[in-house]
Amino acid sequence: MRTPGTYHIAATTGIVLALELVSALLWVGCWWLLDHEVVAFRLERPEMLYGMLAGPLLALIFLADLAWRNRALKRFAAAGTLARMVPGNSNLRVLLRFLLLRHALSFAVVALAGPQFGTKLAEVKSEGIDLVVAIDVSNSMECEDLRPSRMEAARRAMAQLIDRLRGDRLGIVVFAGEAFVQLPITSDRSAAKLFLNAVNTNSVGTQGTAIGAAIELAKESFEQGSPGSKAIIVITDGENHEDDAEGAARDAAAAGIIVHTIGMGTPEGGPLPVRRNGQVTGFRKDHNGNTVVSRLNEPMLEHIAAAGKGLYVRATSTSSGMEQLVADLRSMNSTEKSSYMYTAHEDQFQYPLGIGILMALLGLAMGERRHWRSRWSNFAP
């Protein structure tokens, strides 16, 4: 039981820890929203975000200091007289003052990180190659013989490729029973990451694996008559049931476009999970009630790469195989490219900084004791 005149440590600790968790979730949610939904958003100094770790440390120091104050007050006077000798202590004011100062620090750290929004779309020149990645989004890519799944492994490989792009331009084609252009060729890596987030096994309604159609569409995505090297990377498990993928790769090679393939899966394969509300509830069955097993068709992918004069690599749970292909792409001849992208970013640090300053001023202006009338009322007869 709390002694009158002291601070309520248990309740304050619970409130502070709960608010720390809520604020952490809110900051992570804001970061995810800006990074995924605002194409031209970036941080000029992202390393400054490590300063956010000071917030939980300050919370622990505050709680330890409050406990020390309680021990000092209990040594100062007996419980019966403490409330009359120290009448002005306000647990709520102490807590509010700390929260204002603590979160003022968070906004100051965000301001130091230098948030920026793109403000100018202009034509820029760079040297590189044109590259189109065709990603298989058929149901077989849900197989979990690669962890966490073939689809996630393919997205991870694409993310690694985007991070390694310099002056190159990238386009994305998704395919299952049909093929569609997900992202026209661009040098804007932020846009590529944004569109990659939308790639999943629901991207194409018609099921199947039309690798040939994907290669044909990727070939048509390049600007006709544009100079420089061009390449296609097909990321798939190779279960092609639709068309002549080797013939499409051969036609692309004849047009001067190299076709590489990345095999997603294992030759042993695995069952295709059925999910409900994100949980695996069973596995897909065929018409005879047997569990459907999807296997990597490695020979077909090797033949497609050979016909396209490219390389075949197999992804694993620990390596996407993208490093080997990037090294080969770097050996291709680069030419000057031009594209439209954000070239000027305007600082937005003043907004979090202003909020932080306001919270700090409110915290400093707020005393830790109740109003003087409330204090003197304790001595009233």
Protein backbone atom coordinates (compact mmCIF):
# COMPACT_ATOMS: atom_id res chain seq x y z
CA MET A 1 0.00 0.00 0.00
CA ARG A 2 1.32 3.46 -0.93
CA THR A 3 2.32 5.77 1.89
CA PRO A 4 0.49 9.16 1.71
CA GLY A 5 2.80 11.88 0.40
CA THR A 6 4.90 9.48 -1.71
CA TYR A 7 4.70 8.54 -5.38
CA HIS A 8 2.67 5.62 -6.74
CA ILE A 9 5.53 3.56 -8.19
CA ALA A 10 3.54 0.51 -9.37
CA ALA A 11 0.93 2.48 -11.32
CA THR A 12 3.54 4.86 -12.78
CA THR A 13 5.74 1.95 -13.89
CA GLY A 14 2.81 0.27 -15.63
CA ILE A 15 1.79 3.46 -17.42
CA VAL A 16 5.35 4.29 -18.52
CA LEU A 17 6.05 0.78 -19.85
CA ALA A 18 2.71 0.63 -21.69
CA LEU A 19 3.31 4.02 -23.29
CA GLU A 20 6.84 3.00 -24.30
CA LEU A 21 5.42 0.00 -26.16
CA VAL A 22 2.66 2.06 -27.80
CA SER A 23 5.06 4.81 -28.88
CA ALA A 24 7.50 2.25 -30.33
CA LEU A 25 4.69 0.69 -32.39
CA LEU A 26 3.54 4.12 -33.56
CA TRP A 27 7.03 5.17 -34.66
CA VAL A 28 7.59 1.88 -36.51
CA GLY A 29 4.18 2.21 -38.15
CA CYS A 30 4.91 5.78 -39.28
CA TRP A 31 8.28 4.73 -40.68
CA TRP A 32 6.73 1.80 -42.59
CA LEU A 33 3.95 4.00 -43.98
CA LEU A 34 6.33 6.72 -45.20
CA ASP A 35 8.85 4.24 -46.61
CA HIS A 36 6.26 2.17 -48.49
CA GLU A 37 3.63 4.72 -49.48
CA VAL A 38 5.61 7.93 -50.12
CA VAL A 39 7.82 7.23 -53.13
CA ALA A 40 10.02 10.31 -52.76
CA PHE A 41 10.52 10.06 -48.96
CA ARG A 42 14.00 9.55 -47.57
CA LEU A 43 16.15 10.31 -44.51
CA GLU A 44 19.33 12.29 -45.10
CA ARG A 45 21.02 10.92 -41.97
CA PRO A 46 19.25 7.64 -41.05
CA GLU A 47 22.03 6.67 -38.63
CA MET A 48 20.73 9.35 -36.26
CA LEU A 49 17.70 7.15 -35.56
CA TYR A 50 19.87 5.14 -33.17
CA GLY A 51 19.25 8.06 -30.82
CA MET A 52 15.68 6.74 -30.37
CA LEU A 53 17.18 4.07 -28.08
CA ALA A 54 17.80 6.82 -25.53
CA GLY A 55 14.04 7.05 -24.88
CA PRO A 56 13.60 3.65 -23.14
CA LEU A 57 16.84 4.30 -21.23
CA LEU A 58 15.43 7.60 -19.95
CA ALA A 59 12.24 5.80 -18.89
CA LEU A 60 14.25 3.37 -16.77
CA ILE A 61 16.25 6.22 -15.23
CA PHE A 62 13.00 8.09 -14.45
CA LEU A 63 11.46 5.08 -12.70
CA ALA A 64 14.66 4.45 -10.72
CA ASP A 65 14.76 8.12 -9.68
CA LEU A 66 11.11 8.00 -8.58
CA ALA A 67 11.82 4.91 -6.44
CA TRP A 68 14.82 6.69 -4.88
CA ARG A 69 12.65 9.71 -4.07
CA ASN A 70 10.14 7.47 -2.31
CA ARG A 71 12.83 5.90 -0.14
CA ALA A 72 14.19 9.35 0.74
CA LEU A 73 10.69 10.60 1.69
CA LYS A 74 10.02 7.59 3.89
CA ARG A 75 13.32 8.22 5.72
CA PHE A 76 12.44 11.90 6.07
CA ALA A 77 9.31 11.46 8.19
CA ALA A 78 6.88 8.93 9.56
CA ALA A 79 3.93 7.86 7.45
CA GLY A 80 1.43 9.70 9.62
CA THR A 81 3.07 13.12 9.24
CA LEU A 82 4.58 12.82 5.75
CA ALA A 83 1.41 13.85 3.90
CA ARG A 84 1.15 17.08 5.93
CA MET A 85 4.89 17.88 5.70
CA VAL A 86 5.12 17.27 1.92
CA PRO A 87 1.60 18.12 0.71
CA GLY A 88 2.36 19.25 -2.82
CA ASN A 89 3.63 16.07 -4.45
CA SER A 90 1.63 15.28 -7.59
CA ASN A 91 2.18 11.88 -9.15
CA LEU A 92 0.28 12.93 -12.31
CA ARG A 93 2.30 16.10 -12.84
CA VAL A 94 5.60 14.26 -12.41
CA LEU A 95 4.51 11.66 -14.96
CA LEU A 96 3.20 14.20 -17.51
CA ARG A 97 6.36 16.31 -17.21
CA PHE A 98 8.55 13.30 -17.88
CA LEU A 99 6.45 12.13 -20.86
CA LEU A 100 6.60 15.57 -22.48
CA LEU A 101 10.38 15.82 -22.13
CA ARG A 102 10.97 12.19 -23.12
CA HIS A 103 8.94 12.41 -26.34
CA ALA A 104 10.37 15.83 -27.14
CA LEU A 105 13.67 13.95 -27.42
CA SER A 106 12.13 11.48 -29.90
CA PHE A 107 10.93 14.27 -32.18
CA ALA A 108 14.33 15.97 -31.93
CA VAL A 109 16.04 12.73 -33.02
CA VAL A 110 13.69 12.45 -36.01
CA ALA A 111 14.51 16.03 -36.94
CA LEU A 112 18.24 15.25 -36.73
CA ALA A 113 17.71 12.28 -39.09
CA GLY A 114 16.73 14.79 -41.79
CA PRO A 115 13.36 13.70 -43.23
CA GLN A 116 12.97 14.85 -46.83
CA PHE A 117 10.28 14.71 -49.53
CA GLY A 118 10.95 14.84 -53.24
CA THR A 119 9.86 18.12 -54.77
CA LYS A 120 11.29 18.16 -58.30
CA LEU A 121 10.84 15.57 -61.03
CA ALA A 122 13.54 16.03 -63.67
CA GLU A 123 15.29 14.14 -66.45
CA VAL A 124 18.63 12.74 -65.30
CA LYS A 125 21.47 11.04 -67.17
CA SER A 126 23.23 7.90 -65.99
CA GLU A 127 25.20 4.97 -67.36
CA GLY A 128 24.01 1.41 -67.08
CA ILE A 129 21.99 -1.35 -68.71
CA ASP A 130 18.29 -2.01 -69.17
CA LEU A 131 17.00 -4.93 -67.14
CA VAL A 132 13.57 -6.55 -66.83
CA VAL A 133 12.85 -9.08 -64.08
CA ALA A 134 10.02 -11.55 -64.68
CA ILE A 135 8.70 -12.99 -61.40
CA ASP A 136 6.58 -16.13 -61.20
CA VAL A 137 3.52 -15.48 -58.98
CA SER A 138 1.70 -18.78 -59.55
CA ASN A 139 0.37 -20.80 -56.62
CA SER A 140 3.37 -23.13 -56.73
CA MET A 141 5.50 -20.23 -55.46
CA GLU A 142 3.77 -20.63 -52.07
CA CYS A 143 5.69 -23.89 -51.57
CA GLU A 144 7.85 -23.76 -48.44
CA ASP A 145 10.81 -25.87 -49.59
CA LEU A 146 12.63 -22.50 -49.46
CA ARG A 147 12.10 -20.66 -46.18
CA PRO A 148 9.82 -18.95 -45.55
CA SER A 149 8.44 -19.65 -49.05
CA ARG A 150 9.51 -19.50 -52.69
CA MET A 151 7.56 -16.25 -53.11
CA GLU A 152 9.30 -14.55 -50.19
CA ALA A 153 12.68 -15.82 -51.39
CA ALA A 154 11.95 -14.32 -54.83
CA ARG A 155 10.98 -10.97 -53.30
CA ARG A 156 14.15 -11.04 -51.23
CA ALA A 157 16.23 -11.68 -54.35
CA MET A 158 14.53 -8.76 -56.10
CA ALA A 159 15.16 -6.46 -53.14
CA GLN A 160 18.87 -7.37 -53.21
CA LEU A 161 18.99 -6.62 -56.93
CA ILE A 162 17.33 -3.22 -56.50
CA ASP A 163 19.82 -2.29 -53.77
CA ARG A 164 22.71 -3.11 -56.13
CA LEU A 165 21.43 -1.04 -59.05
CA ARG A 166 23.39 2.09 -59.81
CA GLY A 167 22.79 3.73 -63.17
CA ASP A 168 20.82 0.75 -64.47
CA ARG A 169 17.14 0.88 -65.34
CA LEU A 170 14.74 -1.79 -64.11
CA GLY A 171 11.32 -3.08 -65.09
CA ILE A 172 9.18 -5.76 -63.45
CA VAL A 173 6.91 -8.32 -65.16
CA VAL A 174 4.73 -10.71 -63.13
CA PHE A 175 3.34 -13.88 -64.60
CA ALA A 176 1.33 -17.00 -63.86
CA GLY A 177 -1.05 -18.24 -66.57
CA GLU A 178 -0.69 -14.77 -68.11
CA ALA A 179 1.97 -12.06 -67.94
CA PHE A 180 1.55 -8.38 -66.99
CA VAL A 181 3.89 -5.41 -66.68
CA GLN A 182 4.05 -4.53 -63.00
CA LEU A 183 6.57 -1.69 -63.41
CA PRO A 184 7.70 -0.09 -66.69
CA ILE A 185 11.45 0.37 -67.07
CA THR A 186 12.69 3.10 -64.74
CA SER A 187 15.82 4.16 -62.86
CA ASP A 188 13.82 5.17 -59.77
CA ARG A 189 14.76 2.58 -57.14
CA SER A 190 12.17 3.91 -54.70
CA ALA A 191 9.42 3.22 -57.21
CA ALA A 192 10.83 -0.26 -57.83
CA LYS A 193 10.71 -1.06 -54.10
CA LEU A 194 7.18 0.28 -53.87
CA PHE A 195 5.92 -1.90 -56.73
CA LEU A 196 7.85 -4.92 -55.41
CA ASN A 197 5.80 -4.76 -52.21
CA ALA A 198 2.66 -5.42 -54.27
CA VAL A 199 4.05 -8.59 -55.89
CA ASN A 200 2.39 -11.75 -54.52
CA THR A 201 0.53 -14.85 -55.65
CA ASN A 202 -2.67 -12.81 -56.01
CA SER A 203 -1.12 -10.44 -58.59
CA VAL A 204 -2.40 -12.50 -61.56
CA GLY A 205 -5.83 -14.07 -61.57
CA THR A 206 -5.18 -16.79 -64.18
CA GLN A 207 -3.16 -19.66 -62.75
CA GLY A 208 -0.42 -21.51 -64.62
CA THR A 209 3.22 -20.78 -65.43
CA ALA A 210 3.58 -19.09 -68.81
CA ILE A 211 7.33 -18.47 -68.83
CA GLY A 212 7.42 -17.96 -72.60
CA ALA A 213 4.74 -15.24 -72.44
CA ALA A 214 6.68 -13.53 -69.65
CA ILE A 215 9.89 -13.50 -71.71
CA GLU A 216 8.01 -12.16 -74.74
CA LEU A 217 6.41 -9.38 -72.70
CA ALA A 218 9.74 -8.52 -71.06
CA LYS A 219 11.34 -8.30 -74.51
CA GLU A 220 8.60 -5.93 -75.67
CA SER A 221 9.13 -3.75 -72.58
CA PHE A 222 12.49 -2.52 -73.89
CA GLU A 223 12.49 0.62 -75.99
CA GLN A 224 12.72 -0.31 -79.64
CA GLY A 225 16.06 0.64 -81.17
CA SER A 226 17.49 1.94 -77.89
CA PRO A 227 21.28 1.46 -77.61
CA GLY A 228 23.04 -0.44 -74.86
CA SER A 229 22.93 -3.85 -73.25
CA LYS A 230 19.66 -5.48 -72.26
CA ALA A 231 18.94 -8.47 -70.05
CA ILE A 232 16.01 -10.43 -68.67
CA ILE A 233 16.04 -12.33 -65.37
CA VAL A 234 13.33 -14.95 -64.93
CA ILE A 235 12.65 -15.93 -61.31
CA THR A 236 10.54 -19.09 -61.22
CA ASP A 237 10.28 -22.70 -60.08
CA GLY A 238 10.20 -23.77 -63.73
CA GLU A 239 6.87 -25.60 -63.68
CA ASN A 240 6.01 -24.43 -67.18
CA HIS A 241 2.80 -25.85 -68.58
CA GLU A 242 1.76 -23.16 -71.02
CA ASP A 243 4.11 -22.35 -73.93
CA ASP A 244 7.52 -22.59 -75.60
CA ALA A 245 9.79 -20.86 -73.09
CA GLU A 246 12.99 -22.00 -74.80
CA GLY A 247 11.81 -20.59 -78.13
CA ALA A 248 10.99 -17.25 -76.48
CA ALA A 249 14.46 -17.13 -74.89
CA ARG A 250 16.07 -17.97 -78.23
CA ASP A 251 14.14 -15.14 -79.94
CA ALA A 252 15.22 -12.71 -77.21
CA ALA A 253 18.87 -13.72 -77.62
CA ALA A 254 18.57 -13.19 -81.37
CA ALA A 255 17.41 -9.63 -80.60
CA GLY A 256 20.51 -9.06 -78.45
CA ILE A 257 18.77 -9.59 -75.08
CA ILE A 258 20.41 -11.96 -72.60
CA VAL A 259 18.04 -14.23 -70.64
CA HIS A 260 19.10 -15.43 -67.17
CA THR A 261 17.09 -17.75 -64.93
CA ILE A 262 16.94 -18.21 -61.16
CA GLY A 263 15.45 -21.47 -59.90
CA MET A 264 13.24 -21.11 -56.83
CA GLY A 265 12.75 -24.36 -54.94
CA THR A 266 14.35 -27.78 -54.61
CA PRO A 267 14.24 -30.84 -56.86
CA GLU A 268 12.60 -32.75 -54.00
CA GLY A 269 9.91 -30.08 -53.77
CA GLY A 270 7.16 -29.83 -51.19
CA PRO A 271 3.39 -29.58 -50.75
CA LEU A 272 1.45 -26.39 -51.44
CA PRO A 273 -0.04 -24.97 -48.21
CA VAL A 274 -3.62 -23.78 -47.93
CA ARG A 275 -3.92 -20.76 -45.62
CA ARG A 276 -6.83 -19.20 -43.81
CA ASN A 277 -6.30 -15.93 -41.94
CA GLY A 278 -2.57 -16.37 -42.40
CA GLN A 279 -2.49 -19.84 -40.81
CA VAL A 280 -1.76 -23.09 -42.69
CA THR A 281 -4.90 -25.23 -42.51
CA GLY A 282 -3.84 -28.00 -44.88
CA PHE A 283 -2.31 -28.74 -48.28
CA ARG A 284 -3.65 -28.62 -51.82
CA LYS A 285 -5.10 -31.86 -53.23
CA ASP A 286 -5.57 -33.03 -56.80
CA HIS A 287 -8.81 -34.46 -58.23
CA ASN A 288 -7.96 -37.87 -56.79
CA GLY A 289 -7.42 -36.51 -53.27
CA ASN A 290 -3.64 -36.81 -53.38
CA THR A 291 -1.44 -34.05 -51.96
CA VAL A 292 0.01 -31.87 -54.73
CA VAL A 293 3.81 -31.73 -54.62
CA SER A 294 5.59 -28.92 -56.48
CA ARG A 295 9.19 -29.53 -57.59
CA LEU A 296 11.84 -27.30 -59.10
CA ASN A 297 12.16 -28.06 -62.84
CA GLU A 298 15.89 -27.42 -63.00
CA PRO A 299 16.56 -28.95 -66.45
CA MET A 300 14.00 -26.66 -68.09
CA LEU A 301 15.50 -23.54 -66.49
CA GLU A 302 18.98 -24.61 -67.60
CA HIS A 303 17.71 -25.04 -71.17
CA ILE A 304 15.99 -21.61 -71.09
CA ALA A 305 19.19 -19.93 -69.89
CA ALA A 306 21.25 -21.76 -72.52
CA ALA A 307 18.82 -20.71 -75.27
CA GLY A 308 18.95 -17.11 -73.99
CA LYS A 309 22.79 -17.16 -73.80
CA GLY A 310 22.55 -16.43 -70.10
CA LEU A 311 23.26 -18.07 -66.75
CA TYR A 312 21.19 -20.36 -64.57
CA VAL A 313 21.55 -20.23 -60.77
CA ARG A 314 19.54 -21.96 -58.08
CA ALA A 315 18.38 -20.03 -55.03
CA THR A 316 18.62 -21.54 -51.55
CA SER A 317 17.16 -20.55 -48.19
CA THR A 318 20.39 -18.66 -47.41
CA SER A 319 21.38 -17.31 -50.84
CA SER A 320 19.29 -15.92 -53.68
CA GLY A 321 22.02 -16.46 -56.28
CA MET A 322 21.62 -12.82 -57.28
CA GLU A 323 25.28 -12.03 -56.52
CA GLN A 324 26.50 -14.17 -59.40
CA LEU A 325 24.04 -12.61 -61.85
CA VAL A 326 24.86 -9.06 -60.71
CA ALA A 327 28.55 -9.76 -61.39
CA ASP A 328 27.65 -10.91 -64.91
CA LEU A 329 25.44 -7.85 -65.46
CA ARG A 330 28.32 -5.59 -64.41
CA SER A 331 30.45 -7.07 -67.20
CA MET A 332 27.96 -5.94 -69.86
CA ASN A 333 28.53 -2.72 -71.77
CA SER A 334 26.93 0.32 -70.17
CA THR A 335 25.48 3.20 -72.13
CA GLU A 336 24.09 6.59 -71.16
CA LYS A 337 20.47 6.43 -70.09
CA SER A 338 17.97 9.15 -69.35
CA SER A 339 14.88 8.88 -67.20
CA TYR A 340 12.64 10.96 -64.98
CA MET A 341 13.13 10.75 -61.23
CA TYR A 342 13.21 12.97 -58.16
CA THR A 343 16.44 14.96 -58.19
CA ALA A 344 15.69 17.53 -55.46
CA HIS A 345 14.52 16.79 -51.94
CA GLU A 346 13.22 19.45 -49.58
CA ASP A 347 14.04 19.25 -45.87
CA GLN A 348 11.07 18.64 -43.59
CA PHE A 349 12.97 18.56 -40.29
CA GLN A 350 11.28 21.75 -39.08
CA TYR A 351 8.00 19.96 -38.39
CA PRO A 352 9.26 17.29 -35.95
CA LEU A 353 11.68 19.85 -34.51
CA GLY A 354 8.84 22.30 -33.86
CA ILE A 355 6.76 19.61 -32.16
CA GLY A 356 9.77 18.60 -30.05
CA ILE A 357 10.48 22.18 -28.94
CA LEU A 358 6.82 22.75 -28.03
CA MET A 359 6.71 19.56 -25.94
CA ALA A 360 9.99 20.47 -24.22
CA LEU A 361 8.73 23.96 -23.32
CA LEU A 362 5.48 22.55 -21.94
CA GLY A 363 7.41 20.01 -19.91
CA LEU A 364 9.78 22.60 -18.47
CA ALA A 365 6.91 24.97 -17.67
CA MET A 366 4.98 22.24 -15.85
CA GLY A 367 5.98 21.98 -12.19
CA GLU A 368 5.96 18.75 -10.24
CA ARG A 369 3.82 20.09 -7.38
CA ARG A 370 0.12 20.92 -7.20
CA HIS A 371 -1.22 24.49 -7.16
CA TRP A 372 -0.37 26.46 -4.01
CA ARG A 373 -4.03 26.64 -2.99
CA SER A 374 -4.19 22.85 -3.03
CA ARG A 375 -1.07 22.70 -0.85
CA TRP A 376 -2.35 25.19 1.72
CA SER A 377 -5.74 23.48 1.82
CA ASN A 378 -4.01 20.50 3.43
CA PHE A 379 -3.26 22.67 6.50
CA ALA A 380 -6.79 23.99 6.78
CA PRO A 381 -8.58 22.96 9.95
